[in-house]
Amino acid sequence: MDDKDYPLKKTARLAGFLYFIWILSGLYSLMFIPSQIEMSGDAAATAYNILSNEFLFRTGIINDLINSCIWIVMILFLYRLFKPVNRYLVKLLFAFVIVQIPAVFILEGFNITALMILKGKGLQTFEAGQRLDIAMQFLKFSDYAVLTLEFYWGLWLLPLGILIMKSDFIPRFLGIWLIINGIALLILSFTDILLPQYRNMIFKIAIPAMFGEVAFMLWLLIKGVKNNVSSIENNKVLSI
């Protein structure tokens, strides 16, 4: 391997490793934690599970904060990787991600507030039933916000997919797959907001598209980039 290829490959593989950690972290928060705590339609049982598994609930909060930090660092590596391809698209990619981070920190504040209320460390003048209702409302705020953040989860994949298609060092089919992945998330977000009764049906249809990110992550982690520095340099010249 040519020495000048190594930094690009190293950047790609580091981005892939962070992507892998980021995906695992996301699954922990979006799937594992809710499966252990949430009881659909039963606020009292959910509250009991939160208090009985308080440490687990707290790990979900910490996990989301760390996940956001990992995402920022990962995007910086992707920024460095794709900047020679198109500097405007890569800035758009960065912007679509960075605007989400403050919302995540605010939502985790809601989760902490809900926990403190359930523990009796807030709203102590309220009756137990009222505290339960208010705590559940804070948790619902977080759930509702995910529906809007889902829009950006799909949106940032569009410039990323286009950048991959414009590059000569990552297969074009991964770029196409990521664009489809992004569109699927956008449709899912619109469905959640406009037609929530069809959410499960749309999600089942969209499942194959959702693996676009996994395929891209594995390519970066295992393969890195193609040994084609000359084309990268040509793209860099064209983007200036």
C-alpha atoms as a PDB file:
ATOM      1  CA  MET A   1       0.000   0.000   0.000  1.00  0.00           C
ATOM      2  CA  ASP A   2       1.263   3.458  -0.913  1.00  0.00           C
ATOM      3  CA  ASP A   3       2.212   5.562   2.119  1.00  0.00           C
ATOM      4  CA  LYS A   4      -0.023   8.436   1.045  1.00  0.00           C
ATOM      5  CA  ASP A   5      -3.038   6.086   1.022  1.00  0.00           C
ATOM      6  CA  TYR A   6      -2.623   5.259   4.695  1.00  0.00           C
ATOM      7  CA  PRO A   7      -3.947   8.453   6.314  1.00  0.00           C
ATOM      8  CA  LEU A   8      -7.148   8.241   4.240  1.00  0.00           C
ATOM      9  CA  LYS A   9      -7.611   4.563   5.075  1.00  0.00           C
ATOM     10  CA  LYS A  10      -6.919   5.265   8.727  1.00  0.00           C
ATOM     11  CA  THR A  11      -9.467   8.090   8.740  1.00  0.00           C
ATOM     12  CA  ALA A  12     -12.074   5.822   7.114  1.00  0.00           C
ATOM     13  CA  ARG A  13     -11.482   2.983   9.548  1.00  0.00           C
ATOM     14  CA  LEU A  14     -11.590   5.272  12.570  1.00  0.00           C
ATOM     15  CA  ALA A  15     -14.883   6.683  11.266  1.00  0.00           C
ATOM     16  CA  GLY A  16     -16.123   3.116  10.804  1.00  0.00           C
ATOM     17  CA  PHE A  17     -15.118   2.145  14.337  1.00  0.00           C
ATOM     18  CA  LEU A  18     -16.896   5.179  15.801  1.00  0.00           C
ATOM     19  CA  TYR A  19     -19.913   4.417  13.599  1.00  0.00           C
ATOM     20  CA  PHE A  20     -19.969   0.877  15.013  1.00  0.00           C
ATOM     21  CA  ILE A  21     -19.879   2.127  18.620  1.00  0.00           C
ATOM     22  CA  TRP A  22     -22.487   4.778  17.786  1.00  0.00           C
ATOM     23  CA  ILE A  23     -24.895   2.190  16.341  1.00  0.00           C
ATOM     24  CA  LEU A  24     -24.489  -0.137  19.338  1.00  0.00           C
ATOM     25  CA  SER A  25     -25.018   2.799  21.687  1.00  0.00           C
ATOM     26  CA  GLY A  26     -28.148   3.825  19.787  1.00  0.00           C
ATOM     27  CA  LEU A  27     -29.598   0.308  19.950  1.00  0.00           C
ATOM     28  CA  TYR A  28     -28.992   0.273  23.692  1.00  0.00           C
ATOM     29  CA  SER A  29     -31.026   3.447  24.182  1.00  0.00           C
ATOM     30  CA  LEU A  30     -33.716   2.883  21.572  1.00  0.00           C
ATOM     31  CA  MET A  31     -34.335  -0.841  22.066  1.00  0.00           C
ATOM     32  CA  PHE A  32     -32.772  -2.395  25.167  1.00  0.00           C
ATOM     33  CA  ILE A  33     -33.652   0.266  27.771  1.00  0.00           C
ATOM     34  CA  PRO A  34     -37.325   0.605  26.676  1.00  0.00           C
ATOM     35  CA  SER A  35     -37.713  -3.193  26.594  1.00  0.00           C
ATOM     36  CA  GLN A  36     -36.674  -3.367  30.245  1.00  0.00           C
ATOM     37  CA  ILE A  37     -38.625  -0.378  31.549  1.00  0.00           C
ATOM     38  CA  GLU A  38     -41.548   0.765  29.433  1.00  0.00           C
ATOM     39  CA  MET A  39     -44.966  -0.838  29.919  1.00  0.00           C
ATOM     40  CA  SER A  40     -47.267   0.436  27.196  1.00  0.00           C
ATOM     41  CA  GLY A  41     -50.463   1.919  28.582  1.00  0.00           C
ATOM     42  CA  ASP A  42     -49.487   1.342  32.205  1.00  0.00           C
ATOM     43  CA  ALA A  43     -47.884   4.436  33.747  1.00  0.00           C
ATOM     44  CA  ALA A  44     -47.736   2.937  37.236  1.00  0.00           C
ATOM     45  CA  ALA A  45     -45.887  -0.169  36.025  1.00  0.00           C
ATOM     46  CA  THR A  46     -43.473   1.964  34.001  1.00  0.00           C
ATOM     47  CA  ALA A  47     -42.778   4.150  37.038  1.00  0.00           C
ATOM     48  CA  TYR A  48     -42.215   1.046  39.160  1.00  0.00           C
ATOM     49  CA  ASN A  49     -39.762  -0.335  36.604  1.00  0.00           C
ATOM     50  CA  ILE A  50     -37.863   2.959  36.513  1.00  0.00           C
ATOM     51  CA  LEU A  51     -37.501   3.046  40.277  1.00  0.00           C
ATOM     52  CA  SER A  52     -36.674  -0.667  40.477  1.00  0.00           C
ATOM     53  CA  ASN A  53     -34.078  -0.313  37.730  1.00  0.00           C
ATOM     54  CA  GLU A  54     -32.884   3.178  38.527  1.00  0.00           C
ATOM     55  CA  PHE A  55     -29.255   2.491  37.679  1.00  0.00           C
ATOM     56  CA  LEU A  56     -30.256   1.036  34.304  1.00  0.00           C
ATOM     57  CA  PHE A  57     -32.396   4.107  33.620  1.00  0.00           C
ATOM     58  CA  ARG A  58     -29.488   6.374  34.532  1.00  0.00           C
ATOM     59  CA  THR A  59     -27.146   4.445  32.223  1.00  0.00           C
ATOM     60  CA  GLY A  60     -29.561   5.234  29.397  1.00  0.00           C
ATOM     61  CA  ILE A  61     -29.181   8.955  30.106  1.00  0.00           C
ATOM     62  CA  ILE A  62     -25.380   8.745  30.234  1.00  0.00           C
ATOM     63  CA  ASN A  63     -25.385   6.581  27.124  1.00  0.00           C
ATOM     64  CA  ASP A  64     -27.328   9.194  25.142  1.00  0.00           C
ATOM     65  CA  LEU A  65     -24.923  11.951  26.177  1.00  0.00           C
ATOM     66  CA  ILE A  66     -21.887   9.872  25.220  1.00  0.00           C
ATOM     67  CA  ASN A  67     -23.610   8.781  22.010  1.00  0.00           C
ATOM     68  CA  SER A  68     -23.985  12.434  20.967  1.00  0.00           C
ATOM     69  CA  CYS A  69     -20.295  13.089  21.614  1.00  0.00           C
ATOM     70  CA  ILE A  70     -19.325  10.015  19.586  1.00  0.00           C
ATOM     71  CA  TRP A  71     -21.536  11.231  16.741  1.00  0.00           C
ATOM     72  CA  ILE A  72     -19.782  14.614  16.662  1.00  0.00           C
ATOM     73  CA  VAL A  73     -16.320  13.031  16.531  1.00  0.00           C
ATOM     74  CA  MET A  74     -17.482  10.535  13.900  1.00  0.00           C
ATOM     75  CA  ILE A  75     -18.839  13.354  11.738  1.00  0.00           C
ATOM     76  CA  LEU A  76     -15.515  15.180  11.996  1.00  0.00           C
ATOM     77  CA  PHE A  77     -13.764  12.091  10.614  1.00  0.00           C
ATOM     78  CA  LEU A  78     -16.351  11.838   7.817  1.00  0.00           C
ATOM     79  CA  TYR A  79     -15.899  15.553   7.170  1.00  0.00           C
ATOM     80  CA  ARG A  80     -12.161  15.019   6.745  1.00  0.00           C
ATOM     81  CA  LEU A  81     -12.771  11.977   4.540  1.00  0.00           C
ATOM     82  CA  PHE A  82     -15.241  13.612   2.148  1.00  0.00           C
ATOM     83  CA  LYS A  83     -14.087  17.236   2.137  1.00  0.00           C
ATOM     84  CA  PRO A  84     -11.999  16.656  -1.026  1.00  0.00           C
ATOM     85  CA  VAL A  85     -15.128  15.359  -2.790  1.00  0.00           C
ATOM     86  CA  ASN A  86     -17.426  18.352  -2.268  1.00  0.00           C
ATOM     87  CA  ARG A  87     -16.889  20.908   0.468  1.00  0.00           C
ATOM     88  CA  TYR A  88     -20.466  22.257   0.308  1.00  0.00           C
ATOM     89  CA  LEU A  89     -22.162  18.883   0.702  1.00  0.00           C
ATOM     90  CA  VAL A  90     -19.858  17.897   3.547  1.00  0.00           C
ATOM     91  CA  LYS A  91     -20.686  21.144   5.370  1.00  0.00           C
ATOM     92  CA  LEU A  92     -24.387  20.400   4.885  1.00  0.00           C
ATOM     93  CA  LEU A  93     -23.800  16.914   6.285  1.00  0.00           C
ATOM     94  CA  PHE A  94     -22.099  18.394   9.349  1.00  0.00           C
ATOM     95  CA  ALA A  95     -24.876  20.961   9.849  1.00  0.00           C
ATOM     96  CA  PHE A  96     -27.675  18.355   9.741  1.00  0.00           C
ATOM     97  CA  VAL A  97     -25.965  16.443  12.538  1.00  0.00           C
ATOM     98  CA  ILE A  98     -24.799  19.260  14.778  1.00  0.00           C
ATOM     99  CA  VAL A  99     -28.249  20.895  15.045  1.00  0.00           C
ATOM    100  CA  GLN A 100     -29.574  17.762  16.747  1.00  0.00           C
ATOM    101  CA  ILE A 101     -27.079  17.668  19.609  1.00  0.00           C
ATOM    102  CA  PRO A 102     -28.577  20.444  21.819  1.00  0.00           C
ATOM    103  CA  ALA A 103     -32.002  18.774  21.590  1.00  0.00           C
ATOM    104  CA  VAL A 104     -30.580  15.514  22.921  1.00  0.00           C
ATOM    105  CA  PHE A 105     -29.091  17.228  25.982  1.00  0.00           C
ATOM    106  CA  ILE A 106     -32.389  19.002  26.677  1.00  0.00           C
ATOM    107  CA  LEU A 107     -34.357  15.763  26.400  1.00  0.00           C
ATOM    108  CA  GLU A 108     -32.040  14.017  28.827  1.00  0.00           C
ATOM    109  CA  GLY A 109     -32.793  16.851  31.229  1.00  0.00           C
ATOM    110  CA  PHE A 110     -36.472  15.870  30.910  1.00  0.00           C
ATOM    111  CA  ASN A 111     -35.594  12.258  31.744  1.00  0.00           C
ATOM    112  CA  ILE A 112     -33.619  13.290  34.817  1.00  0.00           C
ATOM    113  CA  THR A 113     -36.503  15.521  35.902  1.00  0.00           C
ATOM    114  CA  ALA A 114     -38.971  12.637  35.542  1.00  0.00           C
ATOM    115  CA  LEU A 115     -36.736  10.401  37.646  1.00  0.00           C
ATOM    116  CA  MET A 116     -36.385  13.003  40.400  1.00  0.00           C
ATOM    117  CA  ILE A 117     -40.160  13.529  40.527  1.00  0.00           C
ATOM    118  CA  LEU A 118     -40.771   9.785  40.792  1.00  0.00           C
ATOM    119  CA  LYS A 119     -38.241   9.600  43.619  1.00  0.00           C
ATOM    120  CA  GLY A 120     -40.132  12.309  45.489  1.00  0.00           C
ATOM    121  CA  LYS A 121     -37.389  14.908  45.116  1.00  0.00           C
ATOM    122  CA  GLY A 122     -39.559  17.326  43.184  1.00  0.00           C
ATOM    123  CA  LEU A 123     -43.114  18.650  43.363  1.00  0.00           C
ATOM    124  CA  GLN A 124     -43.401  17.361  46.916  1.00  0.00           C
ATOM    125  CA  THR A 125     -46.547  19.401  47.574  1.00  0.00           C
ATOM    126  CA  PHE A 126     -48.358  17.455  44.844  1.00  0.00           C
ATOM    127  CA  GLU A 127     -50.190  14.200  45.481  1.00  0.00           C
ATOM    128  CA  ALA A 128     -48.569  10.925  44.412  1.00  0.00           C
ATOM    129  CA  GLY A 129     -50.942  10.490  41.477  1.00  0.00           C
ATOM    130  CA  GLN A 130     -50.236  14.007  40.230  1.00  0.00           C
ATOM    131  CA  ARG A 131     -46.473  13.486  40.477  1.00  0.00           C
ATOM    132  CA  LEU A 132     -46.822  10.267  38.506  1.00  0.00           C
ATOM    133  CA  ASP A 133     -48.790  12.010  35.748  1.00  0.00           C
ATOM    134  CA  ILE A 134     -46.280  14.867  35.513  1.00  0.00           C
ATOM    135  CA  ALA A 135     -43.274  12.501  35.484  1.00  0.00           C
ATOM    136  CA  MET A 136     -44.865  10.437  32.712  1.00  0.00           C
ATOM    137  CA  GLN A 137     -45.507  13.622  30.757  1.00  0.00           C
ATOM    138  CA  PHE A 138     -41.816  14.509  30.883  1.00  0.00           C
ATOM    139  CA  LEU A 139     -40.989  11.031  29.584  1.00  0.00           C
ATOM    140  CA  LYS A 140     -43.558  11.440  26.820  1.00  0.00           C
ATOM    141  CA  PHE A 141     -41.897  14.717  25.812  1.00  0.00           C
ATOM    142  CA  SER A 142     -38.747  12.709  25.106  1.00  0.00           C
ATOM    143  CA  ASP A 143     -40.680  10.106  23.118  1.00  0.00           C
ATOM    144  CA  TYR A 144     -42.469  12.762  21.060  1.00  0.00           C
ATOM    145  CA  ALA A 145     -39.190  14.549  20.366  1.00  0.00           C
ATOM    146  CA  VAL A 146     -37.752  11.364  18.885  1.00  0.00           C
ATOM    147  CA  LEU A 147     -40.448  11.577  16.212  1.00  0.00           C
ATOM    148  CA  THR A 148     -39.088  14.954  15.106  1.00  0.00           C
ATOM    149  CA  LEU A 149     -35.413  14.004  15.497  1.00  0.00           C
ATOM    150  CA  GLU A 150     -36.134  11.016  13.266  1.00  0.00           C
ATOM    151  CA  PHE A 151     -36.526  13.532  10.447  1.00  0.00           C
ATOM    152  CA  TYR A 152     -32.897  14.630  10.869  1.00  0.00           C
ATOM    153  CA  TRP A 153     -31.744  11.032  11.265  1.00  0.00           C
ATOM    154  CA  GLY A 154     -32.869  10.573   7.689  1.00  0.00           C
ATOM    155  CA  LEU A 155     -31.893  14.016   6.410  1.00  0.00           C
ATOM    156  CA  TRP A 156     -28.153  13.767   7.191  1.00  0.00           C
ATOM    157  CA  LEU A 157     -27.902  10.517   5.216  1.00  0.00           C
ATOM    158  CA  LEU A 158     -28.878  12.257   1.957  1.00  0.00           C
ATOM    159  CA  PRO A 159     -25.735  14.410   1.559  1.00  0.00           C
ATOM    160  CA  LEU A 160     -23.657  11.497   2.860  1.00  0.00           C
ATOM    161  CA  GLY A 161     -25.073   9.208   0.174  1.00  0.00           C
ATOM    162  CA  ILE A 162     -24.460  11.812  -2.535  1.00  0.00           C
ATOM    163  CA  LEU A 163     -20.869  12.307  -1.336  1.00  0.00           C
ATOM    164  CA  ILE A 164     -20.272   8.562  -1.565  1.00  0.00           C
ATOM    165  CA  MET A 165     -21.699   8.475  -5.085  1.00  0.00           C
ATOM    166  CA  LYS A 166     -19.471  11.373  -6.129  1.00  0.00           C
ATOM    167  CA  SER A 167     -16.374   9.785  -4.618  1.00  0.00           C
ATOM    168  CA  ASP A 168     -14.276   7.128  -6.319  1.00  0.00           C
ATOM    169  CA  PHE A 169     -13.053   5.454  -3.147  1.00  0.00           C
ATOM    170  CA  ILE A 170     -16.299   3.958  -1.778  1.00  0.00           C
ATOM    171  CA  PRO A 171     -18.715   1.859  -3.895  1.00  0.00           C
ATOM    172  CA  ARG A 172     -21.596   3.821  -5.383  1.00  0.00           C
ATOM    173  CA  PHE A 173     -24.170   1.227  -4.306  1.00  0.00           C
ATOM    174  CA  LEU A 174     -23.494   2.168  -0.674  1.00  0.00           C
ATOM    175  CA  GLY A 175     -24.310   5.783  -1.490  1.00  0.00           C
ATOM    176  CA  ILE A 176     -27.558   4.749  -3.188  1.00  0.00           C
ATOM    177  CA  TRP A 177     -28.427   2.513  -0.241  1.00  0.00           C
ATOM    178  CA  LEU A 178     -27.812   5.340   2.236  1.00  0.00           C
ATOM    179  CA  ILE A 179     -30.020   7.709   0.248  1.00  0.00           C
ATOM    180  CA  ILE A 180     -32.796   5.103   0.298  1.00  0.00           C
ATOM    181  CA  ASN A 181     -32.128   4.646   4.029  1.00  0.00           C
ATOM    182  CA  GLY A 182     -32.475   8.390   4.558  1.00  0.00           C
ATOM    183  CA  ILE A 183     -35.683   8.638   2.520  1.00  0.00           C
ATOM    184  CA  ALA A 184     -37.138   5.701   4.470  1.00  0.00           C
ATOM    185  CA  LEU A 185     -36.448   7.495   7.763  1.00  0.00           C
ATOM    186  CA  LEU A 186     -37.999  10.697   6.419  1.00  0.00           C
ATOM    187  CA  ILE A 187     -41.125   8.810   5.357  1.00  0.00           C
ATOM    188  CA  LEU A 188     -41.244   7.096   8.755  1.00  0.00           C
ATOM    189  CA  SER A 189     -40.981  10.469  10.499  1.00  0.00           C
ATOM    190  CA  PHE A 190     -43.792  11.946   8.383  1.00  0.00           C
ATOM    191  CA  THR A 191     -45.900   8.843   9.042  1.00  0.00           C
ATOM    192  CA  ASP A 192     -45.342   9.097  12.809  1.00  0.00           C
ATOM    193  CA  ILE A 193     -46.553  12.695  12.763  1.00  0.00           C
ATOM    194  CA  LEU A 194     -49.302  12.615  10.125  1.00  0.00           C
ATOM    195  CA  LEU A 195     -50.570   9.016  10.071  1.00  0.00           C
ATOM    196  CA  PRO A 196     -49.361   7.281  13.261  1.00  0.00           C
ATOM    197  CA  GLN A 197     -51.804   4.410  12.776  1.00  0.00           C
ATOM    198  CA  TYR A 198     -49.690   3.238   9.805  1.00  0.00           C
ATOM    199  CA  ARG A 199     -46.355   3.489  11.637  1.00  0.00           C
ATOM    200  CA  ASN A 200     -45.826  -0.254  12.179  1.00  0.00           C
ATOM    201  CA  MET A 201     -46.725  -1.112   8.601  1.00  0.00           C
ATOM    202  CA  ILE A 202     -44.336   1.490   7.154  1.00  0.00           C
ATOM    203  CA  PHE A 203     -41.574   0.418   9.557  1.00  0.00           C
ATOM    204  CA  LYS A 204     -41.800  -3.216   8.426  1.00  0.00           C
ATOM    205  CA  ILE A 205     -41.579  -2.152   4.777  1.00  0.00           C
ATOM    206  CA  ALA A 206     -38.605   0.122   5.518  1.00  0.00           C
ATOM    207  CA  ILE A 207     -36.539  -2.445   7.452  1.00  0.00           C
ATOM    208  CA  PRO A 208     -34.336  -3.537   4.484  1.00  0.00           C
ATOM    209  CA  ALA A 209     -33.482   0.111   3.759  1.00  0.00           C
ATOM    210  CA  MET A 210     -32.401   0.616   7.386  1.00  0.00           C
ATOM    211  CA  PHE A 211     -29.405  -1.657   6.888  1.00  0.00           C
ATOM    212  CA  GLY A 212     -27.774   0.911   4.606  1.00  0.00           C
ATOM    213  CA  GLU A 213     -25.974   2.504   7.540  1.00  0.00           C
ATOM    214  CA  VAL A 214     -24.807  -0.896   8.785  1.00  0.00           C
ATOM    215  CA  ALA A 215     -23.426  -1.789   5.359  1.00  0.00           C
ATOM    216  CA  PHE A 216     -21.597   1.538   5.087  1.00  0.00           C
ATOM    217  CA  MET A 217     -20.210   1.189   8.620  1.00  0.00           C
ATOM    218  CA  LEU A 218     -18.905  -2.322   7.898  1.00  0.00           C
ATOM    219  CA  TRP A 219     -17.283  -1.148   4.653  1.00  0.00           C
ATOM    220  CA  LEU A 220     -15.443   1.643   6.451  1.00  0.00           C
ATOM    221  CA  LEU A 221     -14.448  -0.616   9.330  1.00  0.00           C
ATOM    222  CA  ILE A 222     -13.228  -3.550   7.236  1.00  0.00           C
ATOM    223  CA  LYS A 223     -12.225  -2.146   3.855  1.00  0.00           C
ATOM    224  CA  GLY A 224     -11.632   1.546   4.571  1.00  0.00           C
ATOM    225  CA  VAL A 225     -11.329   3.092   1.118  1.00  0.00           C
ATOM    226  CA  LYS A 226     -10.122   1.986  -2.269  1.00  0.00           C
ATOM    227  CA  ASN A 227      -6.501   2.650  -3.135  1.00  0.00           C
ATOM    228  CA  ASN A 228      -7.322   5.463  -5.507  1.00  0.00           C
ATOM    229  CA  VAL A 229      -5.716   8.625  -4.217  1.00  0.00           C
ATOM    230  CA  SER A 230      -5.332  10.173  -7.653  1.00  0.00           C
ATOM    231  CA  SER A 231      -9.083  10.421  -8.157  1.00  0.00           C
ATOM    232  CA  ILE A 232      -9.468  11.918  -4.711  1.00  0.00           C
ATOM    233  CA  GLU A 233      -6.915  14.588  -5.496  1.00  0.00           C
ATOM    234  CA  ASN A 234      -8.693  15.368  -8.770  1.00  0.00           C
ATOM    235  CA  ASN A 235     -11.982  15.798  -6.912  1.00  0.00           C
ATOM    236  CA  LYS A 236     -10.239  18.068  -4.432  1.00  0.00           C
ATOM    237  CA  VAL A 237      -9.062  20.317  -7.229  1.00  0.00           C
ATOM    238  CA  LEU A 238     -12.560  20.450  -8.722  1.00  0.00           C
ATOM    239  CA  SER A 239     -14.149  21.341  -5.379  1.00  0.00           C
ATOM    240  CA  ILE A 240     -11.888  24.354  -4.733  1.00  0.00           C
END
